[in-house]
Amino acid sequence: MDNSNVKEKADEIYNLLGPGVSVDPMEEFINQTLGGVSKQLKTVIIAIGIIVGFMSILITVLYLKLRLARGMSEIALLKALGFSNRDINQQYLVKIGLISILGVLVGLLFTILLGNQFVNFALGISGLGIKKVELIINPLINYIICPLLILIIILSVTNHIMKTIQGFNIMAVINE
């Protein structure tokens, strides 16, 4: 049903009921009553998405830097045995990729089981006057696009950080 038909129906019902009664289309009514909260939630969702992206980058960089610092001798040994930088890079991509997939799956499970309760708790203590909200999810975004974006970010950062192993001096590491 397009918006012109909705407005026409609202006007028709208003004419039937007479003066003193307000008849508004549902979408307009929702915008009037929850418009501010809806806009705030959209802003919060965008902010959370940006924070998740940066946190994924930060955690991946810190983890890989620590892992590379601790595994420098292992990488030097692999290079000495004839493994190419590409082989070592792929090994780390697979390890980080599997851990990331597991983390995303656990996050999805947490969201499915406790997402609504967490949001209702947060809104309850925020003082907005909202006690219960039933979140309507978009399965395409929640279960495919967001997890894929997180995995792409993590694997891209991993690939970028792993390019630093090209500068490892095998002899200096082995001599230590």
Protein backbone atom coordinates (compact mmCIF):
# COMPACT_ATOMS: atom_id res chain seq x y z
CA MET A 1 0.00 0.00 0.00
CA ASP A 2 1.52 3.35 -1.00
CA ASN A 3 1.47 6.44 1.22
CA SER A 4 -1.18 8.28 -0.80
CA ASN A 5 -3.73 5.52 -0.14
CA VAL A 6 -2.90 5.53 3.57
CA LYS A 7 -3.43 9.29 3.80
CA GLU A 8 -6.69 9.03 1.84
CA LYS A 9 -7.96 6.28 4.18
CA ALA A 10 -7.02 8.36 7.25
CA ASP A 11 -8.91 11.35 5.82
CA GLU A 12 -11.90 9.13 5.01
CA ILE A 13 -12.01 7.74 8.57
CA TYR A 14 -11.65 11.27 9.97
CA ASN A 15 -14.64 12.44 7.90
CA LEU A 16 -16.71 9.46 9.11
CA LEU A 17 -15.91 10.06 12.80
CA GLY A 18 -16.26 13.82 12.69
CA PRO A 19 -14.50 16.67 14.46
CA GLY A 20 -12.76 16.16 17.79
CA VAL A 21 -11.11 12.93 16.67
CA SER A 22 -7.58 12.73 15.38
CA VAL A 23 -6.85 10.12 12.75
CA ASP A 24 -3.24 9.77 11.66
CA PRO A 25 -1.58 7.11 9.54
CA MET A 26 0.35 4.63 11.69
CA GLU A 27 3.75 5.58 10.26
CA GLU A 28 3.14 9.26 11.04
CA PHE A 29 1.96 8.36 14.55
CA ILE A 30 5.06 6.27 15.20
CA ASN A 31 7.30 9.08 13.94
CA GLN A 32 5.54 11.54 16.24
CA THR A 33 5.82 9.35 19.32
CA LEU A 34 9.10 7.50 18.81
CA GLY A 35 10.88 9.63 16.20
CA GLY A 36 13.55 10.93 18.60
CA VAL A 37 14.25 7.54 20.10
CA SER A 38 14.37 5.93 16.67
CA LYS A 39 16.89 8.49 15.41
CA GLN A 40 19.00 8.04 18.55
CA LEU A 41 19.00 4.26 18.11
CA LYS A 42 20.14 4.61 14.49
CA THR A 43 22.97 6.89 15.61
CA VAL A 44 23.93 4.44 18.36
CA ILE A 45 23.92 1.53 15.92
CA ILE A 46 26.21 3.39 13.51
CA ALA A 47 28.53 4.36 16.37
CA ILE A 48 28.63 0.77 17.61
CA GLY A 49 29.47 -0.45 14.10
CA ILE A 50 32.37 1.98 13.85
CA ILE A 51 33.60 1.04 17.33
CA VAL A 52 33.41 -2.67 16.47
CA GLY A 53 35.46 -2.08 13.33
CA PHE A 54 38.17 -0.15 15.17
CA MET A 55 38.21 -2.61 18.07
CA SER A 56 38.62 -5.48 15.61
CA ILE A 57 41.56 -3.69 14.03
CA LEU A 58 43.14 -2.81 17.37
CA ILE A 59 42.81 -6.27 18.89
CA THR A 60 44.09 -7.94 15.71
CA VAL A 61 47.11 -5.64 15.48
CA LEU A 62 48.00 -6.06 19.15
CA TYR A 63 47.54 -9.83 19.06
CA LEU A 64 49.59 -10.26 15.90
CA LYS A 65 52.40 -7.99 17.10
CA LEU A 66 52.62 -10.02 20.31
CA ARG A 67 52.39 -13.30 18.40
CA LEU A 68 55.11 -12.22 15.95
CA ALA A 69 57.38 -11.02 18.75
CA ARG A 70 57.01 -14.34 20.57
CA GLY A 71 57.20 -16.45 17.42
CA MET A 72 60.10 -14.74 15.69
CA SER A 73 62.35 -17.77 16.17
CA GLU A 74 59.63 -20.06 14.78
CA ILE A 75 59.25 -17.84 11.72
CA ALA A 76 63.03 -17.70 11.26
CA LEU A 77 63.17 -21.49 11.48
CA LEU A 78 60.39 -21.87 8.91
CA LYS A 79 62.22 -19.47 6.59
CA ALA A 80 65.49 -21.38 7.11
CA LEU A 81 63.70 -24.60 6.19
CA GLY A 82 62.63 -23.03 2.92
CA PHE A 83 59.10 -21.82 3.58
CA SER A 84 58.33 -18.65 1.65
CA ASN A 85 56.89 -15.50 3.17
CA ARG A 86 53.67 -16.32 1.34
CA ASP A 87 53.49 -19.77 3.00
CA ILE A 88 54.01 -18.28 6.46
CA ASN A 89 51.48 -15.56 5.71
CA GLN A 90 48.89 -18.15 4.67
CA GLN A 91 49.57 -20.18 7.81
CA TYR A 92 48.84 -17.15 10.00
CA LEU A 93 45.80 -16.19 7.92
CA VAL A 94 44.32 -19.65 8.42
CA LYS A 95 44.99 -19.62 12.17
CA ILE A 96 43.61 -16.11 12.68
CA GLY A 97 40.73 -16.83 10.30
CA LEU A 98 39.63 -19.92 12.23
CA ILE A 99 39.84 -18.11 15.56
CA SER A 100 37.89 -15.18 14.09
CA ILE A 101 35.17 -17.43 12.71
CA LEU A 102 34.82 -19.08 16.10
CA GLY A 103 34.63 -15.65 17.78
CA VAL A 104 32.00 -14.41 15.33
CA LEU A 105 29.91 -17.55 15.85
CA VAL A 106 30.07 -17.16 19.64
CA GLY A 107 29.10 -13.49 19.23
CA LEU A 108 26.14 -14.44 17.05
CA LEU A 109 25.02 -17.04 19.58
CA PHE A 110 25.29 -14.46 22.38
CA THR A 111 23.27 -11.98 20.30
CA ILE A 112 20.55 -14.51 19.53
CA LEU A 113 20.22 -15.71 23.13
CA LEU A 114 20.77 -12.51 25.13
CA GLY A 115 20.59 -9.58 22.69
CA ASN A 116 17.04 -8.43 23.49
CA GLN A 117 17.56 -8.79 27.24
CA PHE A 118 20.79 -6.78 27.10
CA VAL A 119 19.19 -3.96 25.08
CA ASN A 120 16.15 -3.86 27.38
CA PHE A 121 18.43 -3.70 30.42
CA ALA A 122 20.49 -0.88 28.90
CA LEU A 123 17.38 1.10 27.92
CA GLY A 124 15.86 0.51 31.36
CA ILE A 125 18.81 2.04 33.19
CA SER A 126 19.26 4.85 30.64
CA GLY A 127 16.26 6.78 31.95
CA LEU A 128 14.53 7.16 28.57
CA GLY A 129 11.29 5.75 29.97
CA ILE A 130 11.43 2.69 27.74
CA LYS A 131 11.09 -0.56 29.66
CA LYS A 132 10.79 -3.21 26.94
CA VAL A 133 11.76 -3.25 23.29
CA GLU A 134 11.44 -6.16 20.91
CA LEU A 135 14.19 -5.88 18.36
CA ILE A 136 13.34 -6.76 14.80
CA ILE A 137 16.43 -8.11 13.10
CA ASN A 138 17.38 -8.22 9.48
CA PRO A 139 18.85 -11.72 9.07
CA LEU A 140 20.85 -10.70 5.98
CA ILE A 141 22.62 -7.92 7.89
CA ASN A 142 22.91 -9.70 11.25
CA TYR A 143 23.97 -13.14 10.11
CA ILE A 144 25.80 -12.49 6.85
CA ILE A 145 26.92 -8.90 6.18
CA CYS A 146 28.16 -7.89 9.66
CA PRO A 147 30.06 -11.13 10.35
CA LEU A 148 31.61 -11.03 6.87
CA LEU A 149 32.69 -7.41 7.36
CA ILE A 150 34.32 -8.28 10.68
CA LEU A 151 36.11 -11.26 9.12
CA ILE A 152 37.25 -9.17 6.14
CA ILE A 153 38.61 -6.48 8.46
CA ILE A 154 40.48 -9.02 10.59
CA LEU A 155 41.93 -10.93 7.64
CA SER A 156 42.94 -7.71 5.86
CA VAL A 157 44.73 -6.44 8.95
CA THR A 158 46.38 -9.85 9.42
CA ASN A 159 47.57 -9.85 5.82
CA HIS A 160 48.93 -6.32 6.19
CA ILE A 161 50.75 -7.04 9.47
CA MET A 162 52.19 -10.30 8.13
CA LYS A 163 53.96 -8.38 5.37
CA THR A 164 56.38 -7.20 8.08
CA ILE A 165 57.92 -10.68 8.27
CA GLN A 166 59.65 -10.03 4.96
CA GLY A 167 62.09 -7.83 6.84
CA PHE A 168 63.00 -10.48 9.43
CA ASN A 169 66.70 -11.21 9.41
CA ILE A 170 66.94 -14.99 9.77
CA MET A 171 70.58 -15.04 10.84
CA ALA A 172 70.08 -12.41 13.56
CA VAL A 173 67.20 -14.38 15.05
CA ILE A 174 69.01 -17.72 14.86
CA ASN A 175 72.14 -16.24 16.50
CA GLU A 176 70.04 -15.07 19.47
